[in-house]
């Protein structure tokens, strides 16, 4: 019975840790802190969702842009690099549309 409880506890603990979603984190340049491409992809999705919630939030746009830029720098093939660059160009256009006179726009443009 004790063994069964131990296994059940371990199973629940493992399940909870696997189900815990990655949270929004500030994205900095690769020179300061490097993560896996999957981490940057997840952060890009999360920050993109934040930009949809509040298009005037400069921090959201900057973190979204940085996550895509870091993916571009880590891209192993030309197709991935071109895709990342097209997303970055679209982000710049969107930032120009929503917050044209901002520090973030001038930073990423």
PDB file of N, CA and C in Angstrom:
ATOM      1  N   UNK A   1       0.814  -1.198   0.000  1.00  0.00           N
ATOM      2  CA  UNK A   1       0.000   0.000   0.000  1.00  0.00           C
ATOM      3  C   UNK A   1       0.860   1.267   0.000  1.00  0.00           C
ATOM      4  N   UNK A   2       1.943   1.264   0.798  1.00  0.00           N
ATOM      5  CA  UNK A   2       2.830   2.420   0.820  1.00  0.00           C
ATOM      6  C   UNK A   2       3.473   2.649  -0.539  1.00  0.00           C
ATOM      7  N   UNK A   3       3.841   1.552  -1.202  1.00  0.00           N
ATOM      8  CA  UNK A   3       4.469   1.655  -2.513  1.00  0.00           C
ATOM      9  C   UNK A   3       3.502   2.280  -3.514  1.00  0.00           C
ATOM     10  N   UNK A   4       2.259   1.864  -3.429  1.00  0.00           N
ATOM     11  CA  UNK A   4       1.238   2.396  -4.328  1.00  0.00           C
ATOM     12  C   UNK A   4       1.051   3.904  -4.107  1.00  0.00           C
ATOM     13  N   UNK A   5       1.050   4.350  -2.862  1.00  0.00           N
ATOM     14  CA  UNK A   5       0.901   5.771  -2.559  1.00  0.00           C
ATOM     15  C   UNK A   5       2.106   6.561  -3.067  1.00  0.00           C
ATOM     16  N   UNK A   6       3.288   5.985  -2.926  1.00  0.00           N
ATOM     17  CA  UNK A   6       4.502   6.649  -3.424  1.00  0.00           C
ATOM     18  C   UNK A   6       4.440   6.824  -4.939  1.00  0.00           C
ATOM     19  N   UNK A   7       4.046   5.773  -5.633  1.00  0.00           N
ATOM     20  CA  UNK A   7       3.955   5.848  -7.093  1.00  0.00           C
ATOM     21  C   UNK A   7       2.894   6.850  -7.527  1.00  0.00           C
ATOM     22  N   UNK A   8       1.786   6.856  -6.828  1.00  0.00           N
ATOM     23  CA  UNK A   8       0.722   7.802  -7.146  1.00  0.00           C
ATOM     24  C   UNK A   8       1.189   9.242  -6.920  1.00  0.00           C
ATOM     25  N   UNK A   9       1.873   9.469  -5.805  1.00  0.00           N
ATOM     26  CA  UNK A   9       2.406  10.795  -5.513  1.00  0.00           C
ATOM     27  C   UNK A   9       3.403  11.238  -6.583  1.00  0.00           C
ATOM     28  N   UNK A  10       4.305  10.372  -6.980  1.00  0.00           N
ATOM     29  CA  UNK A  10       5.282  10.686  -8.016  1.00  0.00           C
ATOM     30  C   UNK A  10       4.609  10.969  -9.353  1.00  0.00           C
ATOM     31  N   UNK A  11       3.588  10.186  -9.660  1.00  0.00           N
ATOM     32  CA  UNK A  11       2.859  10.388 -10.907  1.00  0.00           C
ATOM     33  C   UNK A  11       2.178  11.760 -10.919  1.00  0.00           C
ATOM     34  N   UNK A  12       1.524  12.120  -9.844  1.00  0.00           N
ATOM     35  CA  UNK A  12       0.845  13.410  -9.751  1.00  0.00           C
ATOM     36  C   UNK A  12       1.859  14.544  -9.819  1.00  0.00           C
ATOM     37  N   UNK A  13       2.967  14.405  -9.110  1.00  0.00           N
ATOM     38  CA  UNK A  13       4.005  15.426  -9.124  1.00  0.00           C
ATOM     39  C   UNK A  13       4.572  15.625 -10.533  1.00  0.00           C
ATOM     40  N   UNK A  14       4.844  14.543 -11.229  1.00  0.00           N
ATOM     41  CA  UNK A  14       5.363  14.619 -12.591  1.00  0.00           C
ATOM     42  C   UNK A  14       4.344  15.246 -13.532  1.00  0.00           C
ATOM     43  N   UNK A  15       3.094  14.847 -13.405  1.00  0.00           N
ATOM     44  CA  UNK A  15       2.040  15.382 -14.260  1.00  0.00           C
ATOM     45  C   UNK A  15       1.881  16.884 -14.067  1.00  0.00           C
ATOM     46  N   UNK A  16       1.889  17.330 -12.836  1.00  0.00           N
ATOM     47  CA  UNK A  16       1.739  18.757 -12.552  1.00  0.00           C
ATOM     48  C   UNK A  16       2.914  19.536 -13.117  1.00  0.00           C
ATOM     49  N   UNK A  17       4.115  19.020 -12.970  1.00  0.00           N
ATOM     50  CA  UNK A  17       5.277  19.743 -13.484  1.00  0.00           C
ATOM     51  C   UNK A  17       5.276  19.797 -15.010  1.00  0.00           C
ATOM     52  N   UNK A  18       4.780  18.753 -15.668  1.00  0.00           N
ATOM     53  CA  UNK A  18       4.720  18.759 -17.127  1.00  0.00           C
ATOM     54  C   UNK A  18       3.612  19.658 -17.654  1.00  0.00           C
ATOM     55  N   UNK A  19       2.530  19.770 -16.916  1.00  0.00           N
ATOM     56  CA  UNK A  19       1.403  20.568 -17.370  1.00  0.00           C
ATOM     57  C   UNK A  19       1.586  22.062 -17.115  1.00  0.00           C
ATOM     58  N   UNK A  20       2.503  22.391 -16.236  1.00  0.00           N
ATOM     59  CA  UNK A  20       2.717  23.806 -15.929  1.00  0.00           C
ATOM     60  C   UNK A  20       3.211  24.513 -17.188  1.00  0.00           C
ATOM     61  N   UNK A  21       2.442  25.470 -17.648  1.00  0.00           N
ATOM     62  CA  UNK A  21       2.784  26.188 -18.877  1.00  0.00           C
ATOM     63  C   UNK A  21       3.902  27.187 -18.613  1.00  0.00           C
ATOM     64  N   UNK A  22       4.665  27.416 -19.654  1.00  0.00           N
ATOM     65  CA  UNK A  22       5.716  28.417 -19.547  1.00  0.00           C
ATOM     66  C   UNK A  22       5.062  29.790 -19.428  1.00  0.00           C
ATOM     67  N   UNK A  23       5.565  30.593 -18.515  1.00  0.00           N
ATOM     68  CA  UNK A  23       4.998  31.915 -18.283  1.00  0.00           C
ATOM     69  C   UNK A  23       5.766  32.963 -19.077  1.00  0.00           C
ATOM     70  N   UNK A  24       5.136  34.116 -19.233  1.00  0.00           N
ATOM     71  CA  UNK A  24       5.791  35.239 -19.893  1.00  0.00           C
ATOM     72  C   UNK A  24       7.063  35.609 -19.142  1.00  0.00           C
ATOM     73  N   UNK A  25       8.112  35.766 -19.877  1.00  0.00           N
ATOM     74  CA  UNK A  25       9.381  36.202 -19.294  1.00  0.00           C
ATOM     75  C   UNK A  25       9.987  37.252 -20.212  1.00  0.00           C
ATOM     76  N   UNK A  26      10.715  38.164 -19.611  1.00  0.00           N
ATOM     77  CA  UNK A  26      11.373  39.185 -20.413  1.00  0.00           C
ATOM     78  C   UNK A  26      12.399  38.507 -21.313  1.00  0.00           C
ATOM     79  N   UNK A  27      12.421  38.909 -22.562  1.00  0.00           N
ATOM     80  CA  UNK A  27      13.360  38.357 -23.533  1.00  0.00           C
ATOM     81  C   UNK A  27      14.483  39.371 -23.724  1.00  0.00           C
ATOM     82  N   UNK A  28      15.698  38.924 -23.477  1.00  0.00           N
ATOM     83  CA  UNK A  28      16.865  39.791 -23.642  1.00  0.00           C
ATOM     84  C   UNK A  28      17.720  39.255 -24.777  1.00  0.00           C
ATOM     85  N   UNK A  29      18.738  40.003 -25.152  1.00  0.00           N
ATOM     86  CA  UNK A  29      19.590  39.581 -26.256  1.00  0.00           C
ATOM     87  C   UNK A  29      20.318  38.278 -25.917  1.00  0.00           C
ATOM     88  N   UNK A  30      20.676  37.546 -26.956  1.00  0.00           N
ATOM     89  CA  UNK A  30      21.369  36.269 -26.783  1.00  0.00           C
ATOM     90  C   UNK A  30      22.700  36.473 -26.068  1.00  0.00           C
ATOM     91  N   UNK A  31      23.304  37.634 -26.246  1.00  0.00           N
ATOM     92  CA  UNK A  31      24.573  37.914 -25.582  1.00  0.00           C
ATOM     93  C   UNK A  31      24.456  37.954 -24.070  1.00  0.00           C
ATOM     94  N   UNK A  32      23.283  38.281 -23.567  1.00  0.00           N
ATOM     95  CA  UNK A  32      23.074  38.345 -22.118  1.00  0.00           C
ATOM     96  C   UNK A  32      22.553  37.027 -21.566  1.00  0.00           C
ATOM     97  N   UNK A  33      21.666  36.387 -22.308  1.00  0.00           N
ATOM     98  CA  UNK A  33      21.017  35.171 -21.819  1.00  0.00           C
ATOM     99  C   UNK A  33      20.530  34.363 -23.015  1.00  0.00           C
ATOM    100  N   UNK A  34      20.958  33.121 -23.101  1.00  0.00           N
ATOM    101  CA  UNK A  34      20.584  32.290 -24.245  1.00  0.00           C
ATOM    102  C   UNK A  34      19.673  31.145 -23.795  1.00  0.00           C
ATOM    103  N   UNK A  35      18.651  30.900 -24.599  1.00  0.00           N
ATOM    104  CA  UNK A  35      17.706  29.822 -24.341  1.00  0.00           C
ATOM    105  C   UNK A  35      17.595  28.957 -25.590  1.00  0.00           C
ATOM    106  N   UNK A  36      16.819  27.906 -25.484  1.00  0.00           N
ATOM    107  CA  UNK A  36      16.614  27.017 -26.627  1.00  0.00           C
ATOM    108  C   UNK A  36      15.651  27.670 -27.625  1.00  0.00           C
ATOM    109  N   UNK A  37      15.695  27.243 -28.883  1.00  0.00           N
ATOM    110  CA  UNK A  37      14.734  27.773 -29.861  1.00  0.00           C
ATOM    111  C   UNK A  37      13.281  27.546 -29.434  1.00  0.00           C
ATOM    112  N   UNK A  38      13.005  26.414 -28.798  1.00  0.00           N
ATOM    113  CA  UNK A  38      11.635  26.160 -28.337  1.00  0.00           C
ATOM    114  C   UNK A  38      11.184  27.194 -27.307  1.00  0.00           C
ATOM    115  N   UNK A  39      12.100  27.611 -26.439  1.00  0.00           N
ATOM    116  CA  UNK A  39      11.775  28.624 -25.437  1.00  0.00           C
ATOM    117  C   UNK A  39      11.396  29.923 -26.138  1.00  0.00           C
ATOM    118  N   UNK A  40      12.190  30.302 -27.150  1.00  0.00           N
ATOM    119  CA  UNK A  40      11.898  31.550 -27.879  1.00  0.00           C
ATOM    120  C   UNK A  40      10.583  31.441 -28.650  1.00  0.00           C
ATOM    121  N   UNK A  41      10.291  30.273 -29.216  1.00  0.00           N
ATOM    122  CA  UNK A  41       9.017  30.094 -29.923  1.00  0.00           C
ATOM    123  C   UNK A  41       7.834  30.263 -28.968  1.00  0.00           C
ATOM    124  N   UNK A  42       7.955  29.650 -27.798  1.00  0.00           N
ATOM    125  CA  UNK A  42       6.885  29.761 -26.811  1.00  0.00           C
ATOM    126  C   UNK A  42       6.717  31.194 -26.349  1.00  0.00           C
ATOM    127  N   UNK A  43       7.830  31.863 -26.072  1.00  0.00           N
ATOM    128  CA  UNK A  43       7.751  33.258 -25.655  1.00  0.00           C
ATOM    129  C   UNK A  43       7.144  34.130 -26.760  1.00  0.00           C
ATOM    130  N   UNK A  44       7.493  33.850 -28.002  1.00  0.00           N
ATOM    131  CA  UNK A  44       6.924  34.617 -29.116  1.00  0.00           C
ATOM    132  C   UNK A  44       5.409  34.464 -29.145  1.00  0.00           C
ATOM    133  N   UNK A  45       4.919  33.253 -28.966  1.00  0.00           N
ATOM    134  CA  UNK A  45       3.467  33.036 -28.959  1.00  0.00           C
ATOM    135  C   UNK A  45       2.805  33.774 -27.800  1.00  0.00           C
ATOM    136  N   UNK A  46       3.425  33.690 -26.616  1.00  0.00           N
ATOM    137  CA  UNK A  46       2.855  34.339 -25.443  1.00  0.00           C
ATOM    138  C   UNK A  46       2.857  35.861 -25.584  1.00  0.00           C
ATOM    139  N   UNK A  47       3.966  36.420 -26.081  1.00  0.00           N
ATOM    140  CA  UNK A  47       4.042  37.878 -26.240  1.00  0.00           C
ATOM    141  C   UNK A  47       3.134  38.355 -27.374  1.00  0.00           C
ATOM    142  N   UNK A  48       2.983  37.552 -28.408  1.00  0.00           N
ATOM    143  CA  UNK A  48       2.059  37.905 -29.482  1.00  0.00           C
ATOM    144  C   UNK A  48       0.641  38.016 -28.923  1.00  0.00           C
ATOM    145  N   UNK A  49       0.273  37.081 -28.070  1.00  0.00           N
ATOM    146  CA  UNK A  49      -1.058  37.130 -27.443  1.00  0.00           C
ATOM    147  C   UNK A  49      -1.209  38.396 -26.600  1.00  0.00           C
ATOM    148  N   UNK A  50      -0.143  38.813 -25.940  1.00  0.00           N
ATOM    149  CA  UNK A  50      -0.186  40.044 -25.147  1.00  0.00           C
ATOM    150  C   UNK A  50      -0.380  41.272 -26.030  1.00  0.00           C
ATOM    151  N   UNK A  51       0.256  41.276 -27.200  1.00  0.00           N
ATOM    152  CA  UNK A  51       0.088  42.420 -28.105  1.00  0.00           C
ATOM    153  C   UNK A  51      -1.339  42.508 -28.626  1.00  0.00           C
ATOM    154  N   UNK A  52      -1.992  41.368 -28.749  1.00  0.00           N
ATOM    155  CA  UNK A  52      -3.389  41.379 -29.190  1.00  0.00           C
ATOM    156  C   UNK A  52      -4.301  41.915 -28.099  1.00  0.00           C
ATOM    157  N   UNK A  53      -3.968  41.627 -26.842  1.00  0.00           N
ATOM    158  CA  UNK A  53      -4.773  42.120 -25.721  1.00  0.00           C
ATOM    159  C   UNK A  53      -4.654  43.639 -25.582  1.00  0.00           C
ATOM    160  N   UNK A  54      -3.418  44.132 -25.711  1.00  0.00           N
ATOM    161  CA  UNK A  54      -3.171  45.568 -25.552  1.00  0.00           C
ATOM    162  C   UNK A  54      -2.144  46.018 -26.583  1.00  0.00           C
ATOM    163  N   UNK A  55      -2.595  46.456 -27.753  1.00  0.00           N
ATOM    164  CA  UNK A  55      -1.680  46.833 -28.832  1.00  0.00           C
ATOM    165  C   UNK A  55      -0.800  48.046 -28.532  1.00  0.00           C
ATOM    166  N   UNK A  56      -1.084  48.778 -27.468  1.00  0.00           N
ATOM    167  CA  UNK A  56      -0.280  49.946 -27.134  1.00  0.00           C
ATOM    168  C   UNK A  56       0.768  49.653 -26.053  1.00  0.00           C
ATOM    169  N   UNK A  57       0.924  48.393 -25.673  1.00  0.00           N
ATOM    170  CA  UNK A  57       1.887  48.005 -24.651  1.00  0.00           C
ATOM    171  C   UNK A  57       3.268  47.825 -25.286  1.00  0.00           C
ATOM    172  N   UNK A  58       4.156  48.756 -25.013  1.00  0.00           N
ATOM    173  CA  UNK A  58       5.481  48.731 -25.627  1.00  0.00           C
ATOM    174  C   UNK A  58       6.295  47.507 -25.216  1.00  0.00           C
ATOM    175  N   UNK A  59       6.204  47.116 -23.968  1.00  0.00           N
ATOM    176  CA  UNK A  59       6.987  45.969 -23.481  1.00  0.00           C
ATOM    177  C   UNK A  59       6.598  44.689 -24.222  1.00  0.00           C
ATOM    178  N   UNK A  60       5.318  44.533 -24.497  1.00  0.00           N
ATOM    179  CA  UNK A  60       4.862  43.341 -25.223  1.00  0.00           C
ATOM    180  C   UNK A  60       5.454  43.289 -26.622  1.00  0.00           C
ATOM    181  N   UNK A  61       5.416  44.414 -27.311  1.00  0.00           N
ATOM    182  CA  UNK A  61       5.965  44.462 -28.665  1.00  0.00           C
ATOM    183  C   UNK A  61       7.470  44.201 -28.665  1.00  0.00           C
ATOM    184  N   UNK A  62       8.164  44.821 -27.715  1.00  0.00           N
ATOM    185  CA  UNK A  62       9.617  44.654 -27.666  1.00  0.00           C
ATOM    186  C   UNK A  62       9.999  43.209 -27.378  1.00  0.00           C
ATOM    187  N   UNK A  63       9.319  42.558 -26.447  1.00  0.00           N
ATOM    188  CA  UNK A  63       9.627  41.164 -26.131  1.00  0.00           C
ATOM    189  C   UNK A  63       9.244  40.219 -27.265  1.00  0.00           C
ATOM    190  N   UNK A  64       8.140  40.504 -27.930  1.00  0.00           N
ATOM    191  CA  UNK A  64       7.735  39.714 -29.091  1.00  0.00           C
ATOM    192  C   UNK A  64       8.795  39.823 -30.184  1.00  0.00           C
ATOM    193  N   UNK A  65       9.211  41.059 -30.467  1.00  0.00           N
ATOM    194  CA  UNK A  65      10.230  41.281 -31.498  1.00  0.00           C
ATOM    195  C   UNK A  65      11.534  40.575 -31.132  1.00  0.00           C
ATOM    196  N   UNK A  66      11.976  40.722 -29.895  1.00  0.00           N
ATOM    197  CA  UNK A  66      13.245  40.111 -29.478  1.00  0.00           C
ATOM    198  C   UNK A  66      13.203  38.584 -29.554  1.00  0.00           C
ATOM    199  N   UNK A  67      12.070  38.001 -29.213  1.00  0.00           N
ATOM    200  CA  UNK A  67      11.985  36.543 -29.288  1.00  0.00           C
ATOM    201  C   UNK A  67      12.104  36.064 -30.738  1.00  0.00           C
ATOM    202  N   UNK A  68      11.462  36.772 -31.661  1.00  0.00           N
ATOM    203  CA  UNK A  68      11.571  36.404 -33.080  1.00  0.00           C
ATOM    204  C   UNK A  68      12.976  36.692 -33.597  1.00  0.00           C
ATOM    205  N   UNK A  69      13.559  37.794 -33.182  1.00  0.00           N
ATOM    206  CA  UNK A  69      14.920  38.139 -33.627  1.00  0.00           C
ATOM    207  C   UNK A  69      15.926  37.094 -33.148  1.00  0.00           C
ATOM    208  N   UNK A  70      15.791  36.665 -31.897  1.00  0.00           N
ATOM    209  CA  UNK A  70      16.698  35.637 -31.386  1.00  0.00           C
ATOM    210  C   UNK A  70      16.509  34.314 -32.127  1.00  0.00           C
ATOM    211  N   UNK A  71      15.278  34.004 -32.484  1.00  0.00           N
ATOM    212  CA  UNK A  71      15.035  32.805 -33.310  1.00  0.00           C
ATOM    213  C   UNK A  71      15.719  32.938 -34.661  1.00  0.00           C
ATOM    214  N   UNK A  72      15.664  34.125 -35.232  1.00  0.00           N
ATOM    215  CA  UNK A  72      16.302  34.366 -36.522  1.00  0.00           C
ATOM    216  C   UNK A  72      17.811  34.163 -36.421  1.00  0.00           C
ATOM    217  N   UNK A  73      18.397  34.652 -35.330  1.00  0.00           N
ATOM    218  CA  UNK A  73      19.835  34.493 -35.141  1.00  0.00           C
ATOM    219  C   UNK A  73      20.239  33.037 -34.951  1.00  0.00           C
ATOM    220  N   UNK A  74      19.317  32.232 -34.432  1.00  0.00           N
ATOM    221  CA  UNK A  74      19.605  30.821 -34.178  1.00  0.00           C
ATOM    222  C   UNK A  74      19.177  29.908 -35.333  1.00  0.00           C
ATOM    223  N   UNK A  75      18.556  30.480 -36.353  1.00  0.00           N
ATOM    224  CA  UNK A  75      18.011  29.685 -37.458  1.00  0.00           C
ATOM    225  C   UNK A  75      19.116  28.887 -38.146  1.00  0.00           C
ATOM    226  N   UNK A  76      18.809  27.642 -38.405  1.00  0.00           N
ATOM    227  CA  UNK A  76      19.786  26.764 -39.043  1.00  0.00           C
ATOM    228  C   UNK A  76      19.712  26.766 -40.554  1.00  0.00           C
ATOM    229  N   UNK A  77      18.596  27.183 -41.110  1.00  0.00           N
ATOM    230  CA  UNK A  77      18.458  27.181 -42.563  1.00  0.00           C
ATOM    231  C   UNK A  77      17.898  28.513 -43.052  1.00  0.00           C
ATOM    232  N   UNK A  78      18.050  28.753 -44.318  1.00  0.00           N
ATOM    233  CA  UNK A  78      17.623  30.031 -44.907  1.00  0.00           C
ATOM    234  C   UNK A  78      16.110  30.232 -44.840  1.00  0.00           C
ATOM    235  N   UNK A  79      15.353  29.148 -44.988  1.00  0.00           N
ATOM    236  CA  UNK A  79      13.895  29.259 -44.964  1.00  0.00           C
ATOM    237  C   UNK A  79      13.407  29.769 -43.605  1.00  0.00           C
ATOM    238  N   UNK A  80      13.961  29.225 -42.528  1.00  0.00           N
ATOM    239  CA  UNK A  80      13.584  29.668 -41.182  1.00  0.00           C
ATOM    240  C   UNK A  80      13.986  31.116 -40.958  1.00  0.00           C
ATOM    241  N   UNK A  81      15.165  31.455 -41.428  1.00  0.00           N
ATOM    242  CA  UNK A  81      15.660  32.825 -41.267  1.00  0.00           C
ATOM    243  C   UNK A  81      14.764  33.812 -42.019  1.00  0.00           C
ATOM    244  N   UNK A  82      14.377  33.476 -43.259  1.00  0.00           N
ATOM    245  CA  UNK A  82      13.509  34.350 -44.047  1.00  0.00           C
ATOM    246  C   UNK A  82      12.137  34.502 -43.399  1.00  0.00           C
ATOM    247  N   UNK A  83      11.612  33.402 -42.857  1.00  0.00           N
ATOM    248  CA  UNK A  83      10.316  33.463 -42.186  1.00  0.00           C
ATOM    249  C   UNK A  83      10.397  34.388 -40.974  1.00  0.00           C
ATOM    250  N   UNK A  84      11.446  34.231 -40.165  1.00  0.00           N
ATOM    251  CA  UNK A  84      11.619  35.087 -38.979  1.00  0.00           C
ATOM    252  C   UNK A  84      11.735  36.545 -39.379  1.00  0.00           C
ATOM    253  N   UNK A  85      12.474  36.811 -40.435  1.00  0.00           N
ATOM    254  CA  UNK A  85      12.641  38.190 -40.893  1.00  0.00           C
ATOM    255  C   UNK A  85      11.318  38.780 -41.386  1.00  0.00           C
ATOM    256  N   UNK A  86      10.499  37.967 -42.030  1.00  0.00           N
ATOM    257  CA  UNK A  86       9.196  38.475 -42.481  1.00  0.00           C
ATOM    258  C   UNK A  86       8.293  38.781 -41.278  1.00  0.00           C
ATOM    259  N   UNK A  87       8.375  37.956 -40.234  1.00  0.00           N
ATOM    260  CA  UNK A  87       7.592  38.225 -39.018  1.00  0.00           C
ATOM    261  C   UNK A  87       8.093  39.502 -38.356  1.00  0.00           C
ATOM    262  N   UNK A  88       9.417  39.682 -38.295  1.00  0.00           N
ATOM    263  CA  UNK A  88       9.969  40.907 -37.707  1.00  0.00           C
ATOM    264  C   UNK A  88       9.516  42.138 -38.483  1.00  0.00           C
ATOM    265  N   UNK A  89       9.500  42.052 -39.804  1.00  0.00           N
ATOM    266  CA  UNK A  89       9.036  43.178 -40.624  1.00  0.00           C
ATOM    267  C   UNK A  89       7.578  43.500 -40.336  1.00  0.00           C
ATOM    268  N   UNK A  90       6.767  42.466 -40.147  1.00  0.00           N
ATOM    269  CA  UNK A  90       5.353  42.688 -39.830  1.00  0.00           C
ATOM    270  C   UNK A  90       5.196  43.314 -38.448  1.00  0.00           C
ATOM    271  N   UNK A  91       6.035  42.892 -37.506  1.00  0.00           N
ATOM    272  CA  UNK A  91       5.979  43.486 -36.167  1.00  0.00           C
ATOM    273  C   UNK A  91       6.298  44.975 -36.246  1.00  0.00           C
ATOM    274  N   UNK A  92       7.321  45.333 -37.013  1.00  0.00           N
ATOM    275  CA  UNK A  92       7.689  46.746 -37.161  1.00  0.00           C
ATOM    276  C   UNK A  92       6.509  47.533 -37.742  1.00  0.00           C
ATOM    277  N   UNK A  93       5.835  46.981 -38.743  1.00  0.00           N
ATOM    278  CA  UNK A  93       4.672  47.658 -39.331  1.00  0.00           C
ATOM    279  C   UNK A  93       3.549  47.822 -38.308  1.00  0.00           C
ATOM    280  N   UNK A  94       3.318  46.770 -37.518  1.00  0.00           N
ATOM    281  CA  UNK A  94       2.263  46.835 -36.501  1.00  0.00           C
ATOM    282  C   UNK A  94       2.596  47.851 -35.409  1.00  0.00           C
ATOM    283  N   UNK A  95       3.857  47.876 -35.003  1.00  0.00           N
ATOM    284  CA  UNK A  95       4.267  48.840 -33.981  1.00  0.00           C
ATOM    285  C   UNK A  95       4.118  50.262 -34.528  1.00  0.00           C
ATOM    286  N   UNK A  96       4.482  50.461 -35.770  1.00  0.00           N
ATOM    287  CA  UNK A  96       4.312  51.778 -36.392  1.00  0.00           C
ATOM    288  C   UNK A  96       2.838  52.184 -36.408  1.00  0.00           C
ATOM    289  N   UNK A  97       1.985  51.220 -36.610  1.00  0.00           N
ATOM    290  CA  UNK A  97       0.540  51.495 -36.652  1.00  0.00           C
ATOM    291  C   UNK A  97      -0.013  51.846 -35.267  1.00  0.00           C
ATOM    292  N   UNK A  98       0.397  51.097 -34.233  1.00  0.00           N
ATOM    293  CA  UNK A  98      -0.193  51.268 -32.904  1.00  0.00           C
ATOM    294  C   UNK A  98       0.538  52.276 -32.013  1.00  0.00           C
ATOM    295  N   UNK A  99       1.872  52.304 -32.093  1.00  0.00           N
ATOM    296  CA  UNK A  99       2.642  53.210 -31.223  1.00  0.00           C
ATOM    297  C   UNK A  99       3.796  53.839 -32.019  1.00  0.00           C
ATOM    298  N   UNK A 100       3.458  54.666 -33.010  1.00  0.00           N
ATOM    299  CA  UNK A 100       4.469  55.185 -33.938  1.00  0.00           C
ATOM    300  C   UNK A 100       5.510  56.110 -33.311  1.00  0.00           C
ATOM    301  N   UNK A 101       5.162  56.868 -32.321  1.00  0.00           N
ATOM    302  CA  UNK A 101       6.091  57.841 -31.728  1.00  0.00           C
ATOM    303  C   UNK A 101       6.778  57.282 -30.474  1.00  0.00           C
ATOM    304  N   UNK A 102       6.875  55.972 -30.377  1.00  0.00           N
ATOM    305  CA  UNK A 102       7.387  55.356 -29.148  1.00  0.00           C
ATOM    306  C   UNK A 102       8.875  55.015 -29.226  1.00  0.00           C
ATOM    307  N   UNK A 103       9.451  54.808 -28.066  1.00  0.00           N
ATOM    308  CA  UNK A 103      10.827  54.362 -27.976  1.00  0.00           C
ATOM    309  C   UNK A 103      10.975  52.995 -28.642  1.00  0.00           C
ATOM    310  N   UNK A 104      10.006  52.117 -28.411  1.00  0.00           N
ATOM    311  CA  UNK A 104      10.063  50.766 -28.973  1.00  0.00           C
ATOM    312  C   UNK A 104      10.097  50.801 -30.493  1.00  0.00           C
ATOM    313  N   UNK A 105       9.278  51.643 -31.092  1.00  0.00           N
ATOM    314  CA  UNK A 105       9.292  51.742 -32.546  1.00  0.00           C
ATOM    315  C   UNK A 105      10.664  52.168 -33.045  1.00  0.00           C
ATOM    316  N   UNK A 106      11.251  53.159 -32.409  1.00  0.00           N
ATOM    317  CA  UNK A 106      12.574  53.626 -32.812  1.00  0.00           C
ATOM    318  C   UNK A 106      13.658  52.564 -32.538  1.00  0.00           C
ATOM    319  N   UNK A 107      13.467  51.769 -31.511  1.00  0.00           N
ATOM    320  CA  UNK A 107      14.432  50.713 -31.177  1.00  0.00           C
ATOM    321  C   UNK A 107      14.442  49.606 -32.223  1.00  0.00           C
ATOM    322  N   UNK A 108      13.262  49.173 -32.641  1.00  0.00           N
ATOM    323  CA  UNK A 108      13.202  48.017 -33.549  1.00  0.00           C
ATOM    324  C   UNK A 108      13.223  48.392 -35.029  1.00  0.00           C
ATOM    325  N   UNK A 109      13.015  49.663 -35.335  1.00  0.00           N
ATOM    326  CA  UNK A 109      12.971  50.080 -36.730  1.00  0.00           C
ATOM    327  C   UNK A 109      14.332  50.220 -37.318  1.00  0.00           C
TER     328      UNK A 109
END
